Amino acid sequence: MLKQGSNALNIQFSAEIEDALVSDASRNVGLLQQLAEKLCFAERIFESARSIGKRPIVSRQALEDVRARICSDLTSRYRQFYEAMKKGFEGSQPNRFGDIVRACAVTVATELLLDGVNKDQLLDAIKRNGDDVDKESLQGALENLNRLQAEKQVHPMVLYVNPDTHELKLADKQFLFYRQHCQPHWD
């Protein structure tokens, strides 16, 4: 996608910038496109350059500014998501859902979020955050996490529990960008 866009606009992302964009996107083509588009706007590229050679895009500062703008756009979504999960269902023990989100935001490795976190790995991550949870209450929260997100109208879903494997996976890959670049506070 970057190569096609670069050719169409007659620009060339430096290898460092291209690697950073691909890494930031975490397998999310929509986020990759958003990053590249905002970076072009930051570099004042609004249409195809008509120069003889390709215009280079090399500014690390422009990339940092773009990341900050995207963080600003994402903060409201993920803050509302976290607050909704902390509240849980009416009459439930809300902290279990908040503990799960906080563990996914802070402690669980990216690869596990993408490939699937089992209950024992998640329990360990929650405990490393200093939260006290037992397997039974965690199992109950995991069984209801998808339903809670639907009830709280979290669209698109951020986390997903596979009902067959009981593994938790990241459904919204922008969350990886948010936790890496936006310095969220998960109290």
Foldseek 3Di string as FASTA:
>chain_A
DVVVVQVQQLAAEDPVRVVVLVVLCQPPVVSSVQLVVQLCVLVVRDGRDPDPHRHYRYDPVSSLVSLQVVLVVCVVLVVLVLVLQQVFDVPDNSVLSNLQVVLVLPPDDPVCQAVWDALVNSCVSSVVVVDDDDSVVNLVCLVCVVVSCVVSVNPPDQWHQDPVRRTIHGPDSNSVSNSVRNPDDRD
